[in-house]
Amino acid sequence: VIRDPAGPLPRVLMGQRGLSAVFMPSKYVFPGGAVDPGDHDIALAR
């Protein structure tokens, strides 16, 4: 997610994974994760 992409200081939304996380502990990442089985059946507005 990019904030003010055309501005003088565009920013990106990031967070830090926990120290005890199995995958990429302590790293700063974008939001995201594995596809769940139920994601195939979600009704999208568009």
All heavy atoms as atom14 arrays in JSON, in Angstrom:
{
  "sequence": "VIRDPAGPLPRVLMGQRGLSAVFMPSKYVFPGGAVDPGDHDIALAR",
  "atom14_mask": [
    [1, 1, 1, 1, 1, 1, 1, 0, 0, 0, 0, 0, 0, 0],
    [1, 1, 1, 1, 1, 1, 1, 1, 0, 0, 0, 0, 0, 0],
    [1, 1, 1, 1, 1, 1, 1, 1, 1, 1, 1, 0, 0, 0],
    [1, 1, 1, 1, 1, 1, 1, 1, 0, 0, 0, 0, 0, 0],
    [1, 1, 1, 1, 1, 1, 1, 0, 0, 0, 0, 0, 0, 0],
    [1, 1, 1, 1, 1, 0, 0, 0, 0, 0, 0, 0, 0, 0],
    [1, 1, 1, 1, 0, 0, 0, 0, 0, 0, 0, 0, 0, 0],
    [1, 1, 1, 1, 1, 1, 1, 0, 0, 0, 0, 0, 0, 0],
    [1, 1, 1, 1, 1, 1, 1, 1, 0, 0, 0, 0, 0, 0],
    [1, 1, 1, 1, 1, 1, 1, 0, 0, 0, 0, 0, 0, 0],
    [1, 1, 1, 1, 1, 1, 1, 1, 1, 1, 1, 0, 0, 0],
    [1, 1, 1, 1, 1, 1, 1, 0, 0, 0, 0, 0, 0, 0],
    [1, 1, 1, 1, 1, 1, 1, 1, 0, 0, 0, 0, 0, 0],
    [1, 1, 1, 1, 1, 1, 1, 1, 0, 0, 0, 0, 0, 0],
    [1, 1, 1, 1, 0, 0, 0, 0, 0, 0, 0, 0, 0, 0],
    [1, 1, 1, 1, 1, 1, 1, 1, 1, 0, 0, 0, 0, 0],
    [1, 1, 1, 1, 1, 1, 1, 1, 1, 1, 1, 0, 0, 0],
    [1, 1, 1, 1, 0, 0, 0, 0, 0, 0, 0, 0, 0, 0],
    [1, 1, 1, 1, 1, 1, 1, 1, 0, 0, 0, 0, 0, 0],
    [1, 1, 1, 1, 1, 1, 0, 0, 0, 0, 0, 0, 0, 0],
    [1, 1, 1, 1, 1, 0, 0, 0, 0, 0, 0, 0, 0, 0],
    [1, 1, 1, 1, 1, 1, 1, 0, 0, 0, 0, 0, 0, 0],
    [1, 1, 1, 1, 1, 1, 1, 1, 1, 1, 1, 0, 0, 0],
    [1, 1, 1, 1, 1, 1, 1, 1, 0, 0, 0, 0, 0, 0],
    [1, 1, 1, 1, 1, 1, 1, 0, 0, 0, 0, 0, 0, 0],
    [1, 1, 1, 1, 1, 1, 0, 0, 0, 0, 0, 0, 0, 0],
    [1, 1, 1, 1, 1, 1, 1, 1, 1, 0, 0, 0, 0, 0],
    [1, 1, 1, 1, 1, 1, 1, 1, 1, 1, 1, 1, 0, 0],
    [1, 1, 1, 1, 1, 1, 1, 0, 0, 0, 0, 0, 0, 0],
    [1, 1, 1, 1, 1, 1, 1, 1, 1, 1, 1, 0, 0, 0],
    [1, 1, 1, 1, 1, 1, 1, 0, 0, 0, 0, 0, 0, 0],
    [1, 1, 1, 1, 0, 0, 0, 0, 0, 0, 0, 0, 0, 0],
    [1, 1, 1, 1, 0, 0, 0, 0, 0, 0, 0, 0, 0, 0],
    [1, 1, 1, 1, 1, 0, 0, 0, 0, 0, 0, 0, 0, 0],
    [1, 1, 1, 1, 1, 1, 1, 0, 0, 0, 0, 0, 0, 0],
    [1, 1, 1, 1, 1, 1, 1, 1, 0, 0, 0, 0, 0, 0],
    [1, 1, 1, 1, 1, 1, 1, 0, 0, 0, 0, 0, 0, 0],
    [1, 1, 1, 1, 0, 0, 0, 0, 0, 0, 0, 0, 0, 0],
    [1, 1, 1, 1, 1, 1, 1, 1, 0, 0, 0, 0, 0, 0],
    [1, 1, 1, 1, 1, 1, 1, 1, 1, 1, 0, 0, 0, 0],
    [1, 1, 1, 1, 1, 1, 1, 1, 0, 0, 0, 0, 0, 0],
    [1, 1, 1, 1, 1, 1, 1, 1, 0, 0, 0, 0, 0, 0],
    [1, 1, 1, 1, 1, 0, 0, 0, 0, 0, 0, 0, 0, 0],
    [1, 1, 1, 1, 1, 1, 1, 1, 0, 0, 0, 0, 0, 0],
    [1, 1, 1, 1, 1, 0, 0, 0, 0, 0, 0, 0, 0, 0],
    [1, 1, 1, 1, 1, 1, 1, 1, 1, 1, 1, 0, 0, 0]
  ],
  "atom14_positions": [
    [[0.86, -1.18, 0.0], [0.0, 0.0, 0.0], [0.89, 1.24, 0.0], [1.72, 1.42, 0.9], [-0.93, 0.02, 1.22], [-1.93, 1.17, 1.09], [-1.67, -1.31, 1.37], [0.0, 0.0, 0.0], [0.0, 0.0, 0.0], [0.0, 0.0, 0.0], [0.0, 0.0, 0.0], [0.0, 0.0, 0.0], [0.0, 0.0, 0.0], [0.0, 0.0, 0.0]],
    [[0.73, 2.06, -1.03], [1.56, 3.26, -1.18], [0.73, 4.5, -0.84], [-0.37, 4.69, -1.36], [2.09, 3.39, -2.63], [2.84, 2.11, -3.04], [2.99, 4.62, -2.75], [4.11, 1.85, -2.3], [0.0, 0.0, 0.0], [0.0, 0.0, 0.0], [0.0, 0.0, 0.0], [0.0, 0.0, 0.0], [0.0, 0.0, 0.0], [0.0, 0.0, 0.0]],
    [[1.28, 5.33, 0.01], [0.62, 6.57, 0.4], [1.29, 7.75, -0.32], [2.51, 7.87, -0.32], [0.71, 6.75, 1.91], [-0.22, 7.81, 2.48], [-0.25, 7.67, 4.0], [-1.19, 8.61, 4.6], [-1.43, 8.67, 5.91], [-0.79, 7.84, 6.74], [-2.29, 9.54, 6.4], [0.0, 0.0, 0.0], [0.0, 0.0, 0.0], [0.0, 0.0, 0.0]],
    [[0.48, 8.6, -0.93], [0.97, 9.76, -1.67], [1.99, 9.36, -2.75], [3.11, 9.88, -2.78], [1.61, 10.79, -0.72], [0.65, 11.25, 0.36], [-0.54, 11.44, 0.05], [1.09, 11.42, 1.51], [0.0, 0.0, 0.0], [0.0, 0.0, 0.0], [0.0, 0.0, 0.0], [0.0, 0.0, 0.0], [0.0, 0.0, 0.0], [0.0, 0.0, 0.0]],
    [[1.62, 8.46, -3.65], [2.58, 7.99, -4.65], [3.12, 9.09, -5.55], [4.23, 8.98, -6.07], [1.78, 6.95, -5.45], [0.36, 7.28, -5.21], [0.29, 7.83, -3.82], [0.0, 0.0, 0.0], [0.0, 0.0, 0.0], [0.0, 0.0, 0.0], [0.0, 0.0, 0.0], [0.0, 0.0, 0.0], [0.0, 0.0, 0.0], [0.0, 0.0, 0.0]],
    [[2.34, 10.15, -5.75], [2.78, 11.25, -6.62], [3.37, 12.41, -5.82], [3.78, 13.41, -6.41], [1.62, 11.75, -7.47], [0.0, 0.0, 0.0], [0.0, 0.0, 0.0], [0.0, 0.0, 0.0], [0.0, 0.0, 0.0], [0.0, 0.0, 0.0], [0.0, 0.0, 0.0], [0.0, 0.0, 0.0], [0.0, 0.0, 0.0], [0.0, 0.0, 0.0]],
    [[3.42, 12.28, -4.51], [3.91, 13.36, -3.66], [5.42, 13.37, -3.54], [6.12, 12.49, -4.05], [0.0, 0.0, 0.0], [0.0, 0.0, 0.0], [0.0, 0.0, 0.0], [0.0, 0.0, 0.0], [0.0, 0.0, 0.0], [0.0, 0.0, 0.0], [0.0, 0.0, 0.0], [0.0, 0.0, 0.0], [0.0, 0.0, 0.0], [0.0, 0.0, 0.0]],
    [[5.95, 14.36, -2.82], [7.4, 14.45, -2.66], [7.98, 13.39, -1.73], [9.18, 13.13, -1.78], [7.6, 15.85, -2.06], [6.29, 16.14, -1.37], [5.24, 15.48, -2.21], [0.0, 0.0, 0.0], [0.0, 0.0, 0.0], [0.0, 0.0, 0.0], [0.0, 0.0, 0.0], [0.0, 0.0, 0.0], [0.0, 0.0, 0.0], [0.0, 0.0, 0.0]],
    [[7.13, 12.77, -0.9], [7.62, 11.76, 0.04], [6.66, 10.57, 0.08], [5.93, 10.36, 1.05], [7.75, 12.36, 1.45], [8.49, 11.51, 2.49], [9.96, 11.38, 2.11], [8.33, 12.11, 3.88], [0.0, 0.0, 0.0], [0.0, 0.0, 0.0], [0.0, 0.0, 0.0], [0.0, 0.0, 0.0], [0.0, 0.0, 0.0], [0.0, 0.0, 0.0]],
    [[6.62, 9.76, -0.98], [5.74, 8.58, -0.96], [6.16, 7.62, 0.14], [7.35, 7.44, 0.43], [5.94, 7.97, -2.35], [7.27, 8.48, -2.81], [7.42, 9.84, -2.21], [0.0, 0.0, 0.0], [0.0, 0.0, 0.0], [0.0, 0.0, 0.0], [0.0, 0.0, 0.0], [0.0, 0.0, 0.0], [0.0, 0.0, 0.0], [0.0, 0.0, 0.0]],
    [[5.15, 6.99, 0.77], [5.41, 6.08, 1.89], [4.72, 4.74, 1.65], [3.76, 4.67, 0.89], [4.91, 6.7, 3.2], [5.71, 7.91, 3.66], [5.03, 8.65, 4.77], [3.88, 9.4, 4.3], [2.95, 9.95, 5.1], [3.05, 9.8, 6.4], [1.95, 10.61, 4.58], [0.0, 0.0, 0.0], [0.0, 0.0, 0.0], [0.0, 0.0, 0.0]],
    [[5.22, 3.72, 2.3], [4.68, 2.38, 2.16], [4.34, 1.82, 3.53], [5.05, 2.07, 4.51], [5.68, 1.46, 1.42], [7.0, 1.35, 2.18], [5.1, 0.1, 1.15], [0.0, 0.0, 0.0], [0.0, 0.0, 0.0], [0.0, 0.0, 0.0], [0.0, 0.0, 0.0], [0.0, 0.0, 0.0], [0.0, 0.0, 0.0], [0.0, 0.0, 0.0]],
    [[3.24, 1.07, 3.61], [2.8, 0.5, 4.88], [3.57, -0.79, 5.16], [3.55, -1.73, 4.35], [1.29, 0.2, 4.81], [0.66, -0.4, 6.07], [0.89, 0.49, 7.29], [-0.84, -0.62, 5.86], [0.0, 0.0, 0.0], [0.0, 0.0, 0.0], [0.0, 0.0, 0.0], [0.0, 0.0, 0.0], [0.0, 0.0, 0.0], [0.0, 0.0, 0.0]],
    [[4.25, -0.83, 6.32], [5.04, -1.99, 6.69], [4.89, -2.27, 8.18], [4.49, -1.4, 8.96], [6.53, -1.78, 6.37], [6.81, -1.44, 4.92], [8.58, -1.56, 4.5], [8.73, -3.34, 4.29], [0.0, 0.0, 0.0], [0.0, 0.0, 0.0], [0.0, 0.0, 0.0], [0.0, 0.0, 0.0], [0.0, 0.0, 0.0], [0.0, 0.0, 0.0]],
    [[5.18, -3.51, 8.56], [5.17, -3.89, 9.96], [6.27, -4.89, 10.22], [6.86, -5.45, 9.28], [0.0, 0.0, 0.0], [0.0, 0.0, 0.0], [0.0, 0.0, 0.0], [0.0, 0.0, 0.0], [0.0, 0.0, 0.0], [0.0, 0.0, 0.0], [0.0, 0.0, 0.0], [0.0, 0.0, 0.0], [0.0, 0.0, 0.0], [0.0, 0.0, 0.0]],
    [[6.56, -5.13, 11.49], [7.65, -6.03, 11.86], [7.12, -7.35, 12.38], [6.27, -7.39, 13.27], [8.53, -5.38, 12.92], [9.78, -6.17, 13.26], [10.64, -5.47, 14.29], [10.13, -4.76, 15.15], [11.95, -5.67, 14.22], [0.0, 0.0, 0.0], [0.0, 0.0, 0.0], [0.0, 0.0, 0.0], [0.0, 0.0, 0.0], [0.0, 0.0, 0.0]],
    [[7.63, -8.45, 11.84], [7.26, -9.76, 12.31], [7.89, -10.02, 13.67], [8.95, -9.49, 13.99], [7.69, -10.83, 11.31], [6.93, -10.75, 9.99], [7.3, -11.86, 9.03], [7.01, -13.17, 9.6], [5.8, -13.74, 9.64], [4.75, -13.09, 9.15], [5.64, -14.94, 10.15], [0.0, 0.0, 0.0], [0.0, 0.0, 0.0], [0.0, 0.0, 0.0]],
    [[7.21, -10.86, 14.48], [7.68, -11.12, 15.83], [8.99, -11.88, 15.87], [9.35, -12.6, 14.93], [0.0, 0.0, 0.0], [0.0, 0.0, 0.0], [0.0, 0.0, 0.0], [0.0, 0.0, 0.0], [0.0, 0.0, 0.0], [0.0, 0.0, 0.0], [0.0, 0.0, 0.0], [0.0, 0.0, 0.0], [0.0, 0.0, 0.0], [0.0, 0.0, 0.0]],
    [[9.69, -11.74, 16.97], [10.98, -12.4, 17.14], [10.84, -13.92, 17.12], [11.74, -14.63, 16.66], [11.61, -11.97, 18.47], [12.97, -12.55, 18.83], [14.01, -12.15, 17.8], [13.4, -12.1, 20.23], [0.0, 0.0, 0.0], [0.0, 0.0, 0.0], [0.0, 0.0, 0.0], [0.0, 0.0, 0.0], [0.0, 0.0, 0.0], [0.0, 0.0, 0.0]],
    [[9.68, -14.43, 17.56], [9.47, -15.88, 17.62], [8.79, -16.44, 16.38], [8.49, -17.64, 16.32], [8.64, -16.24, 18.86], [7.37, -15.61, 18.81], [0.0, 0.0, 0.0], [0.0, 0.0, 0.0], [0.0, 0.0, 0.0], [0.0, 0.0, 0.0], [0.0, 0.0, 0.0], [0.0, 0.0, 0.0], [0.0, 0.0, 0.0], [0.0, 0.0, 0.0]],
    [[8.54, -15.61, 15.37], [7.88, -16.07, 14.15], [8.74, -17.12, 13.45], [9.96, -17.0, 13.38], [7.61, -14.9, 13.21], [0.0, 0.0, 0.0], [0.0, 0.0, 0.0], [0.0, 0.0, 0.0], [0.0, 0.0, 0.0], [0.0, 0.0, 0.0], [0.0, 0.0, 0.0], [0.0, 0.0, 0.0], [0.0, 0.0, 0.0], [0.0, 0.0, 0.0]],
    [[8.09, -18.17, 12.94], [8.82, -19.22, 12.23], [9.4, -18.7, 10.92], [10.52, -19.04, 10.54], [7.88, -20.42, 11.95], [8.58, -21.47, 11.09], [7.4, -21.03, 13.26], [0.0, 0.0, 0.0], [0.0, 0.0, 0.0], [0.0, 0.0, 0.0], [0.0, 0.0, 0.0], [0.0, 0.0, 0.0], [0.0, 0.0, 0.0], [0.0, 0.0, 0.0]],
    [[8.64, -17.85, 10.25], [9.04, -17.35, 8.93], [9.47, -15.89, 9.05], [8.72, -15.04, 9.5], [7.87, -17.5, 7.95], [8.21, -17.15, 6.53], [9.03, -17.97, 5.78], [7.68, -16.01, 5.94], [9.34, -17.68, 4.45], [7.97, -15.7, 4.62], [8.8, -16.53, 3.87], [0.0, 0.0, 0.0], [0.0, 0.0, 0.0], [0.0, 0.0, 0.0]],
    [[10.7, -15.61, 8.69], [11.26, -14.25, 8.68], [11.08, -13.51, 10.0], [10.52, -12.41, 10.05], [10.64, -13.44, 7.53], [10.98, -13.94, 6.15], [10.36, -12.88, 4.83], [10.97, -13.76, 3.38], [0.0, 0.0, 0.0], [0.0, 0.0, 0.0], [0.0, 0.0, 0.0], [0.0, 0.0, 0.0], [0.0, 0.0, 0.0], [0.0, 0.0, 0.0]],
    [[11.55, -14.07, 11.12], [11.41, -13.38, 12.41], [12.12, -12.04, 12.42], [13.2, -11.88, 11.85], [12.07, -14.37, 13.38], [12.99, -15.18, 12.55], [12.32, -15.32, 11.22], [0.0, 0.0, 0.0], [0.0, 0.0, 0.0], [0.0, 0.0, 0.0], [0.0, 0.0, 0.0], [0.0, 0.0, 0.0], [0.0, 0.0, 0.0], [0.0, 0.0, 0.0]],
    [[11.46, -11.07, 13.03], [11.99, -9.71, 13.25], [12.12, -8.87, 11.98], [12.51, -7.7, 12.06], [13.36, -9.77, 13.94], [13.28, -10.43, 15.17], [0.0, 0.0, 0.0], [0.0, 0.0, 0.0], [0.0, 0.0, 0.0], [0.0, 0.0, 0.0], [0.0, 0.0, 0.0], [0.0, 0.0, 0.0], [0.0, 0.0, 0.0], [0.0, 0.0, 0.0]],
    [[11.79, -9.42, 10.83], [11.93, -8.66, 9.59], [10.74, -7.72, 9.39], [9.62, -8.0, 9.81], [12.01, -9.61, 8.39], [13.21, -10.54, 8.39], [14.5, -9.8, 8.1], [15.65, -10.77, 7.91], [16.92, -10.07, 7.62], [0.0, 0.0, 0.0], [0.0, 0.0, 0.0], [0.0, 0.0, 0.0], [0.0, 0.0, 0.0], [0.0, 0.0, 0.0]],
    [[11.01, -6.59, 8.74], [9.94, -5.69, 8.33], [9.42, -6.15, 6.97], [10.21, -6.41, 6.05], [10.44, -4.25, 8.24], [10.46, -3.56, 9.57], [11.57, -3.63, 10.39], [9.36, -2.82, 10.01], [11.59, -3.0, 11.63], [9.37, -2.19, 11.25], [10.49, -2.28, 12.05], [10.5, -1.66, 13.27], [0.0, 0.0, 0.0], [0.0, 0.0, 0.0]],
    [[8.1, -6.25, 6.87], [7.49, -6.8, 5.67], [6.22, -6.02, 5.31], [5.71, -5.23, 6.1], [7.12, -8.29, 5.86], [8.38, -9.13, 6.07], [6.16, -8.47, 7.04], [0.0, 0.0, 0.0], [0.0, 0.0, 0.0], [0.0, 0.0, 0.0], [0.0, 0.0, 0.0], [0.0, 0.0, 0.0], [0.0, 0.0, 0.0], [0.0, 0.0, 0.0]],
    [[5.71, -6.31, 4.12], [4.39, -5.83, 3.73], [3.35, -6.79, 4.31], [3.65, -7.96, 4.57], [4.24, -5.83, 2.22], [5.36, -5.17, 1.47], [6.09, -5.88, 0.52], [5.68, -3.84, 1.7], [7.12, -5.29, -0.19], [6.72, -3.23, 0.99], [7.44, -3.96, 0.04], [0.0, 0.0, 0.0], [0.0, 0.0, 0.0], [0.0, 0.0, 0.0]],
    [[2.11, -6.35, 4.49], [1.05, -7.31, 4.89], [0.91, -8.4, 3.84], [1.02, -8.15, 2.63], [-0.2, -6.43, 4.95], [0.31, -5.03, 5.11], [1.62, -4.97, 4.37], [0.0, 0.0, 0.0], [0.0, 0.0, 0.0], [0.0, 0.0, 0.0], [0.0, 0.0, 0.0], [0.0, 0.0, 0.0], [0.0, 0.0, 0.0], [0.0, 0.0, 0.0]],
    [[0.66, -9.62, 4.28], [0.48, -10.72, 3.34], [0.56, -12.06, 4.03], [0.91, -12.16, 5.21], [0.0, 0.0, 0.0], [0.0, 0.0, 0.0], [0.0, 0.0, 0.0], [0.0, 0.0, 0.0], [0.0, 0.0, 0.0], [0.0, 0.0, 0.0], [0.0, 0.0, 0.0], [0.0, 0.0, 0.0], [0.0, 0.0, 0.0], [0.0, 0.0, 0.0]],
    [[0.2, -13.11, 3.29], [0.24, -14.45, 3.85], [-0.32, -15.47, 2.87], [-0.66, -15.15, 1.72], [0.0, 0.0, 0.0], [0.0, 0.0, 0.0], [0.0, 0.0, 0.0], [0.0, 0.0, 0.0], [0.0, 0.0, 0.0], [0.0, 0.0, 0.0], [0.0, 0.0, 0.0], [0.0, 0.0, 0.0], [0.0, 0.0, 0.0], [0.0, 0.0, 0.0]],
    [[-0.4, -16.7, 3.33], [-0.83, -17.81, 2.49], [-2.31, -17.7, 2.13], [-3.13, -17.16, 2.89], [-0.57, -19.14, 3.19], [0.0, 0.0, 0.0], [0.0, 0.0, 0.0], [0.0, 0.0, 0.0], [0.0, 0.0, 0.0], [0.0, 0.0, 0.0], [0.0, 0.0, 0.0], [0.0, 0.0, 0.0], [0.0, 0.0, 0.0], [0.0, 0.0, 0.0]],
    [[-2.64, -18.22, 0.96], [-4.04, -18.32, 0.54], [-4.72, -19.4, 1.36], [-4.2, -20.51, 1.5], [-4.13, -18.66, -0.96], [-5.58, -18.9, -1.39], [-3.5, -17.55, -1.8], [0.0, 0.0, 0.0], [0.0, 0.0, 0.0], [0.0, 0.0, 0.0], [0.0, 0.0, 0.0], [0.0, 0.0, 0.0], [0.0, 0.0, 0.0], [0.0, 0.0, 0.0]],
    [[-5.88, -19.08, 1.93], [-6.68, -20.05, 2.68], [-7.69, -20.71, 1.73], [-8.12, -20.08, 0.75], [-7.43, -19.37, 3.82], [-6.51, -18.96, 4.95], [-5.37, -19.45, 5.0], [-6.95, -18.15, 5.8], [0.0, 0.0, 0.0], [0.0, 0.0, 0.0], [0.0, 0.0, 0.0], [0.0, 0.0, 0.0], [0.0, 0.0, 0.0], [0.0, 0.0, 0.0]],
    [[-8.11, -21.95, 2.04], [-9.13, -22.59, 1.19], [-10.38, -21.75, 1.01], [-10.96, -21.7, -0.08], [-9.43, -23.89, 1.93], [-8.17, -24.19, 2.67], [-7.62, -22.85, 3.09], [0.0, 0.0, 0.0], [0.0, 0.0, 0.0], [0.0, 0.0, 0.0], [0.0, 0.0, 0.0], [0.0, 0.0, 0.0], [0.0, 0.0, 0.0], [0.0, 0.0, 0.0]],
    [[-10.79, -21.05, 2.06], [-12.01, -20.25, 1.98], [-11.9, -19.04, 1.09], [-12.93, -18.45, 0.7], [0.0, 0.0, 0.0], [0.0, 0.0, 0.0], [0.0, 0.0, 0.0], [0.0, 0.0, 0.0], [0.0, 0.0, 0.0], [0.0, 0.0, 0.0], [0.0, 0.0, 0.0], [0.0, 0.0, 0.0], [0.0, 0.0, 0.0], [0.0, 0.0, 0.0]],
    [[-10.68, -18.63, 0.75], [-10.52, -17.44, -0.09], [-11.11, -17.64, -1.49], [-11.46, -16.67, -2.16], [-9.04, -17.08, -0.21], [-8.45, -16.58, 1.11], [-9.2, -15.99, 1.9], [-7.25, -16.8, 1.35], [0.0, 0.0, 0.0], [0.0, 0.0, 0.0], [0.0, 0.0, 0.0], [0.0, 0.0, 0.0], [0.0, 0.0, 0.0], [0.0, 0.0, 0.0]],
    [[-11.23, -18.9, -1.92], [-11.78, -19.17, -3.25], [-13.28, -18.84, -3.32], [-13.8, -18.62, -4.42], [-11.57, -20.63, -3.61], [-10.13, -21.0, -3.78], [-9.49, -21.0, -5.0], [-9.2, -21.38, -2.86], [-8.23, -21.36, -4.83], [-8.02, -21.6, -3.55], [0.0, 0.0, 0.0], [0.0, 0.0, 0.0], [0.0, 0.0, 0.0], [0.0, 0.0, 0.0]],
    [[-13.94, -18.81, -2.16], [-15.41, -18.65, -2.15], [-15.87, -17.28, -1.68], [-17.06, -17.05, -1.52], [-16.02, -19.73, -1.24], [-15.68, -21.13, -1.7], [-15.7, -21.38, -2.91], [-15.38, -21.98, -0.83], [0.0, 0.0, 0.0], [0.0, 0.0, 0.0], [0.0, 0.0, 0.0], [0.0, 0.0, 0.0], [0.0, 0.0, 0.0], [0.0, 0.0, 0.0]],
    [[-14.93, -16.38, -1.44], [-15.29, -15.05, -0.94], [-15.95, -14.23, -2.05], [-15.44, -14.16, -3.18], [-14.04, -14.32, -0.41], [-13.46, -15.06, 0.8], [-14.35, -12.88, -0.06], [-14.43, -15.22, 1.95], [0.0, 0.0, 0.0], [0.0, 0.0, 0.0], [0.0, 0.0, 0.0], [0.0, 0.0, 0.0], [0.0, 0.0, 0.0], [0.0, 0.0, 0.0]],
    [[-17.05, -13.59, -1.7], [-17.74, -12.73, -2.65], [-17.04, -11.38, -2.72], [-16.89, -10.7, -1.7], [-19.2, -12.55, -2.23], [0.0, 0.0, 0.0], [0.0, 0.0, 0.0], [0.0, 0.0, 0.0], [0.0, 0.0, 0.0], [0.0, 0.0, 0.0], [0.0, 0.0, 0.0], [0.0, 0.0, 0.0], [0.0, 0.0, 0.0], [0.0, 0.0, 0.0]],
    [[-16.58, -11.01, -3.9], [-15.92, -9.73, -4.08], [-16.9, -8.7, -4.63], [-17.71, -9.02, -5.5], [-14.75, -9.87, -5.06], [-13.61, -10.81, -4.64], [-12.62, -10.95, -5.8], [-12.93, -10.3, -3.39], [0.0, 0.0, 0.0], [0.0, 0.0, 0.0], [0.0, 0.0, 0.0], [0.0, 0.0, 0.0], [0.0, 0.0, 0.0], [0.0, 0.0, 0.0]],
    [[-16.82, -7.48, -4.12], [-17.69, -6.42, -4.64], [-17.38, -6.16, -6.12], [-18.27, -5.95, -6.93], [-17.49, -5.15, -3.83], [0.0, 0.0, 0.0], [0.0, 0.0, 0.0], [0.0, 0.0, 0.0], [0.0, 0.0, 0.0], [0.0, 0.0, 0.0], [0.0, 0.0, 0.0], [0.0, 0.0, 0.0], [0.0, 0.0, 0.0], [0.0, 0.0, 0.0]],
    [[-16.08, -6.19, -6.43], [-15.63, -6.05, -7.82], [-14.41, -6.93, -8.02], [-13.6, -7.09, -7.1], [-15.29, -4.59, -8.14], [-16.47, -3.63, -8.07], [-16.1, -2.25, -8.57], [-15.09, -1.63, -7.72], [-14.53, -0.44, -7.98], [-14.87, 0.23, -9.07], [-13.62, 0.07, -7.16], [0.0, 0.0, 0.0], [0.0, 0.0, 0.0], [0.0, 0.0, 0.0]]
  ]
}
